[in-house]
Amino acid sequence: MFYDYDIENMKIEEMDIVGELEIIDESIKNIKKTMKETGENLKSVLDDMEYYKKKYGGDISVGWCNADNPEAFVGYIFVKNDEIIGIEPYM
């Protein structure tokens, strides 16, 4: 099912972000570190982050939301200067 999310009215403080926002470049570095240290297969997550880096830039913050927000949104949000500039829903 596809939803038309109202990104213009989404507010960071209402999005119930899992953990903390993290700069995309840092996220990529941490994913690679975890893969190396634990052997966990995070290739698809790494590929996603590298794609989002190309799309949004490496200095943009990224966070994950689990639907506990006014939009019932699940997926990544991308933040610059305390404003949501993009979303990538998890389908």
N, C-alpha and C. Protein backbone atom coordinates (compact mmCIF):
# COMPACT_ATOMS: atom_id res chain seq x y z
N MET A 1 0.85 -1.17 0.00
CA MET A 1 0.00 0.00 0.00
C MET A 1 0.90 1.24 0.00
N PHE A 2 0.58 2.21 -0.82
CA PHE A 2 1.37 3.43 -0.91
C PHE A 2 0.63 4.58 -0.25
N TYR A 3 1.37 5.33 0.51
CA TYR A 3 0.80 6.50 1.17
C TYR A 3 1.43 7.77 0.60
N ASP A 4 0.66 8.83 0.51
CA ASP A 4 1.20 10.14 0.18
C ASP A 4 1.50 10.83 1.50
N TYR A 5 2.76 10.86 1.87
CA TYR A 5 3.15 11.47 3.15
C TYR A 5 3.25 12.97 3.01
N ASP A 6 2.79 13.67 4.01
CA ASP A 6 2.80 15.13 4.03
C ASP A 6 4.11 15.61 4.64
N ILE A 7 5.18 15.51 3.86
CA ILE A 7 6.52 15.84 4.36
C ILE A 7 6.60 17.29 4.82
N GLU A 8 5.86 18.18 4.20
CA GLU A 8 5.91 19.59 4.56
C GLU A 8 5.44 19.83 5.99
N ASN A 9 4.55 18.98 6.48
CA ASN A 9 4.03 19.15 7.84
C ASN A 9 4.62 18.17 8.85
N MET A 10 5.55 17.32 8.41
CA MET A 10 6.21 16.41 9.34
C MET A 10 7.13 17.23 10.24
N LYS A 11 7.14 16.91 11.51
CA LYS A 11 8.01 17.60 12.47
C LYS A 11 8.94 16.56 13.09
N ILE A 12 10.22 16.89 13.15
CA ILE A 12 11.22 15.96 13.67
C ILE A 12 10.83 15.45 15.04
N GLU A 13 10.40 16.35 15.92
CA GLU A 13 10.10 15.96 17.30
C GLU A 13 8.90 15.03 17.42
N GLU A 14 8.10 14.91 16.37
CA GLU A 14 6.94 14.01 16.38
C GLU A 14 7.22 12.67 15.71
N MET A 15 8.41 12.49 15.16
CA MET A 15 8.67 11.33 14.31
C MET A 15 9.11 10.07 15.05
N ASP A 16 9.38 10.14 16.34
CA ASP A 16 9.79 8.97 17.12
C ASP A 16 10.94 8.23 16.43
N ILE A 17 12.03 8.94 16.28
CA ILE A 17 13.21 8.38 15.62
C ILE A 17 13.85 7.33 16.52
N VAL A 18 14.18 6.17 15.92
CA VAL A 18 14.85 5.10 16.66
C VAL A 18 16.30 5.53 16.86
N GLY A 19 16.73 5.61 18.11
CA GLY A 19 18.09 6.07 18.40
C GLY A 19 18.21 7.55 18.13
N GLU A 20 19.35 7.93 17.57
CA GLU A 20 19.64 9.34 17.29
C GLU A 20 19.81 9.54 15.79
N LEU A 21 19.62 10.77 15.35
CA LEU A 21 19.98 11.11 13.97
C LEU A 21 21.49 10.94 13.82
N GLU A 22 21.92 10.51 12.65
CA GLU A 22 23.33 10.28 12.40
C GLU A 22 23.67 10.80 11.00
N ILE A 23 24.82 11.43 10.87
CA ILE A 23 25.29 11.90 9.57
C ILE A 23 25.48 10.68 8.66
N ILE A 24 25.06 10.77 7.41
CA ILE A 24 25.14 9.63 6.49
C ILE A 24 26.56 9.08 6.41
N ASP A 25 27.57 9.96 6.29
CA ASP A 25 28.96 9.48 6.22
C ASP A 25 29.33 8.67 7.47
N GLU A 26 28.89 9.12 8.64
CA GLU A 26 29.16 8.38 9.88
C GLU A 26 28.41 7.05 9.89
N SER A 27 27.20 7.05 9.40
CA SER A 27 26.40 5.84 9.33
C SER A 27 27.10 4.79 8.46
N ILE A 28 27.61 5.21 7.31
CA ILE A 28 28.33 4.30 6.42
C ILE A 28 29.55 3.74 7.12
N LYS A 29 30.30 4.61 7.80
CA LYS A 29 31.50 4.17 8.51
C LYS A 29 31.13 3.16 9.60
N ASN A 30 30.07 3.42 10.34
CA ASN A 30 29.65 2.52 11.42
C ASN A 30 29.14 1.18 10.89
N ILE A 31 28.45 1.19 9.76
CA ILE A 31 27.98 -0.06 9.15
C ILE A 31 29.17 -0.91 8.74
N LYS A 32 30.15 -0.30 8.08
CA LYS A 32 31.35 -1.02 7.66
C LYS A 32 32.10 -1.59 8.86
N LYS A 33 32.20 -0.80 9.93
CA LYS A 33 32.88 -1.25 11.15
C LYS A 33 32.15 -2.45 11.76
N THR A 34 30.83 -2.38 11.84
CA THR A 34 30.05 -3.48 12.39
C THR A 34 30.21 -4.73 11.55
N MET A 35 30.18 -4.59 10.24
CA MET A 35 30.36 -5.74 9.35
C MET A 35 31.72 -6.39 9.57
N LYS A 36 32.75 -5.56 9.71
CA LYS A 36 34.10 -6.08 9.90
C LYS A 36 34.25 -6.76 11.26
N GLU A 37 33.72 -6.15 12.30
CA GLU A 37 33.88 -6.67 13.66
C GLU A 37 33.01 -7.89 13.95
N THR A 38 31.80 -7.92 13.41
CA THR A 38 30.86 -8.99 13.76
C THR A 38 30.62 -9.99 12.64
N GLY A 39 30.97 -9.61 11.42
CA GLY A 39 30.69 -10.47 10.29
C GLY A 39 29.23 -10.44 9.86
N GLU A 40 28.45 -9.58 10.51
CA GLU A 40 27.03 -9.47 10.18
C GLU A 40 26.87 -8.97 8.74
N ASN A 41 25.93 -9.58 8.02
CA ASN A 41 25.70 -9.19 6.63
C ASN A 41 24.78 -7.98 6.57
N LEU A 42 25.38 -6.82 6.43
CA LEU A 42 24.63 -5.57 6.34
C LEU A 42 24.81 -4.93 4.97
N LYS A 43 25.14 -5.75 3.98
CA LYS A 43 25.42 -5.24 2.63
C LYS A 43 24.25 -4.44 2.07
N SER A 44 23.03 -4.92 2.25
CA SER A 44 21.88 -4.20 1.69
C SER A 44 21.69 -2.84 2.37
N VAL A 45 21.94 -2.79 3.68
CA VAL A 45 21.85 -1.52 4.41
C VAL A 45 22.95 -0.57 3.94
N LEU A 46 24.15 -1.10 3.77
CA LEU A 46 25.27 -0.30 3.28
C LEU A 46 24.97 0.24 1.88
N ASP A 47 24.45 -0.62 1.01
CA ASP A 47 24.09 -0.18 -0.34
C ASP A 47 23.05 0.93 -0.29
N ASP A 48 22.05 0.78 0.59
CA ASP A 48 21.03 1.83 0.74
C ASP A 48 21.67 3.15 1.15
N MET A 49 22.54 3.11 2.16
CA MET A 49 23.15 4.34 2.66
C MET A 49 24.03 4.99 1.60
N GLU A 50 24.75 4.18 0.83
CA GLU A 50 25.58 4.75 -0.24
C GLU A 50 24.71 5.39 -1.32
N TYR A 51 23.56 4.79 -1.61
CA TYR A 51 22.62 5.39 -2.56
C TYR A 51 22.10 6.72 -2.01
N TYR A 52 21.69 6.72 -0.73
CA TYR A 52 21.15 7.94 -0.13
C TYR A 52 22.22 9.03 -0.03
N LYS A 53 23.47 8.63 0.16
CA LYS A 53 24.56 9.61 0.18
C LYS A 53 24.64 10.33 -1.17
N LYS A 54 24.52 9.56 -2.25
CA LYS A 54 24.55 10.17 -3.58
C LYS A 54 23.34 11.07 -3.80
N LYS A 55 22.20 10.65 -3.28
CA LYS A 55 20.96 11.40 -3.49
C LYS A 55 20.88 12.67 -2.63
N TYR A 56 21.27 12.55 -1.34
CA TYR A 56 21.08 13.67 -0.40
C TYR A 56 22.38 14.35 0.02
N GLY A 57 23.52 13.66 -0.13
CA GLY A 57 24.80 14.20 0.32
C GLY A 57 25.25 13.53 1.60
N GLY A 58 26.55 13.45 1.80
CA GLY A 58 27.11 12.75 2.95
C GLY A 58 27.00 13.49 4.26
N ASP A 59 26.71 14.79 4.20
CA ASP A 59 26.67 15.60 5.42
C ASP A 59 25.25 15.78 5.95
N ILE A 60 24.29 15.06 5.39
CA ILE A 60 22.89 15.12 5.82
C ILE A 60 22.67 14.08 6.92
N SER A 61 21.83 14.41 7.88
CA SER A 61 21.50 13.46 8.95
C SER A 61 20.40 12.52 8.49
N VAL A 62 20.49 11.28 8.99
CA VAL A 62 19.50 10.26 8.65
C VAL A 62 18.99 9.63 9.94
N GLY A 63 17.74 9.27 9.94
CA GLY A 63 17.13 8.58 11.08
C GLY A 63 16.10 7.58 10.59
N TRP A 64 15.77 6.62 11.45
CA TRP A 64 14.78 5.59 11.12
C TRP A 64 13.55 5.78 11.99
N CYS A 65 12.38 5.69 11.39
CA CYS A 65 11.11 5.85 12.10
C CYS A 65 10.31 4.55 12.03
N ASN A 66 9.62 4.22 13.12
CA ASN A 66 8.82 3.00 13.22
C ASN A 66 7.33 3.26 13.36
N ALA A 67 6.77 4.14 12.59
CA ALA A 67 5.32 4.36 12.50
C ALA A 67 4.66 5.00 13.71
N ASP A 68 5.38 5.20 14.81
CA ASP A 68 4.77 5.83 15.98
C ASP A 68 4.86 7.35 15.84
N ASN A 69 4.16 7.87 14.84
CA ASN A 69 4.17 9.29 14.55
C ASN A 69 2.85 9.64 13.85
N PRO A 70 2.52 10.92 13.76
CA PRO A 70 1.22 11.31 13.20
C PRO A 70 0.96 10.79 11.78
N GLU A 71 2.01 10.60 10.99
CA GLU A 71 1.84 10.13 9.62
C GLU A 71 1.84 8.60 9.52
N ALA A 72 2.09 7.90 10.63
CA ALA A 72 2.26 6.44 10.63
C ALA A 72 3.35 6.04 9.64
N PHE A 73 4.39 6.88 9.58
CA PHE A 73 5.48 6.69 8.62
C PHE A 73 6.50 5.69 9.13
N VAL A 74 6.91 4.76 8.25
CA VAL A 74 7.98 3.82 8.54
C VAL A 74 9.03 4.00 7.45
N GLY A 75 10.26 4.25 7.86
CA GLY A 75 11.34 4.39 6.90
C GLY A 75 12.36 5.41 7.37
N TYR A 76 13.22 5.81 6.43
CA TYR A 76 14.27 6.77 6.73
C TYR A 76 13.76 8.20 6.53
N ILE A 77 14.24 9.09 7.39
CA ILE A 77 14.03 10.52 7.17
C ILE A 77 15.41 11.15 7.03
N PHE A 78 15.48 12.22 6.26
CA PHE A 78 16.73 12.92 6.02
C PHE A 78 16.55 14.36 6.46
N VAL A 79 17.51 14.83 7.27
CA VAL A 79 17.36 16.11 7.95
C VAL A 79 18.56 17.01 7.66
N LYS A 80 18.26 18.27 7.38
CA LYS A 80 19.29 19.29 7.22
C LYS A 80 18.79 20.54 7.92
N ASN A 81 19.64 21.13 8.75
CA ASN A 81 19.29 22.34 9.49
C ASN A 81 17.97 22.19 10.26
N ASP A 82 17.81 21.06 10.91
CA ASP A 82 16.63 20.76 11.73
C ASP A 82 15.32 20.72 10.95
N GLU A 83 15.39 20.50 9.65
CA GLU A 83 14.19 20.35 8.83
C GLU A 83 14.28 19.05 8.04
N ILE A 84 13.16 18.35 7.93
CA ILE A 84 13.12 17.14 7.13
C ILE A 84 13.14 17.54 5.66
N ILE A 85 14.17 17.07 4.95
CA ILE A 85 14.30 17.44 3.53
C ILE A 85 13.93 16.30 2.60
N GLY A 86 13.82 15.10 3.16
CA GLY A 86 13.47 13.95 2.33
C GLY A 86 13.06 12.77 3.18
N ILE A 87 12.31 11.87 2.57
CA ILE A 87 11.92 10.63 3.24
C ILE A 87 12.05 9.48 2.26
N GLU A 88 12.29 8.31 2.78
CA GLU A 88 12.34 7.09 1.99
C GLU A 88 11.52 6.04 2.73
N PRO A 89 10.26 5.87 2.34
CA PRO A 89 9.40 4.90 3.03
C PRO A 89 9.89 3.47 2.87
N TYR A 90 9.69 2.68 3.90
CA TYR A 90 9.97 1.25 3.85
C TYR A 90 8.68 0.57 3.45
N MET A 91 8.72 -0.15 2.36
CA MET A 91 7.49 -0.79 1.89
C MET A 91 7.51 -2.27 2.20
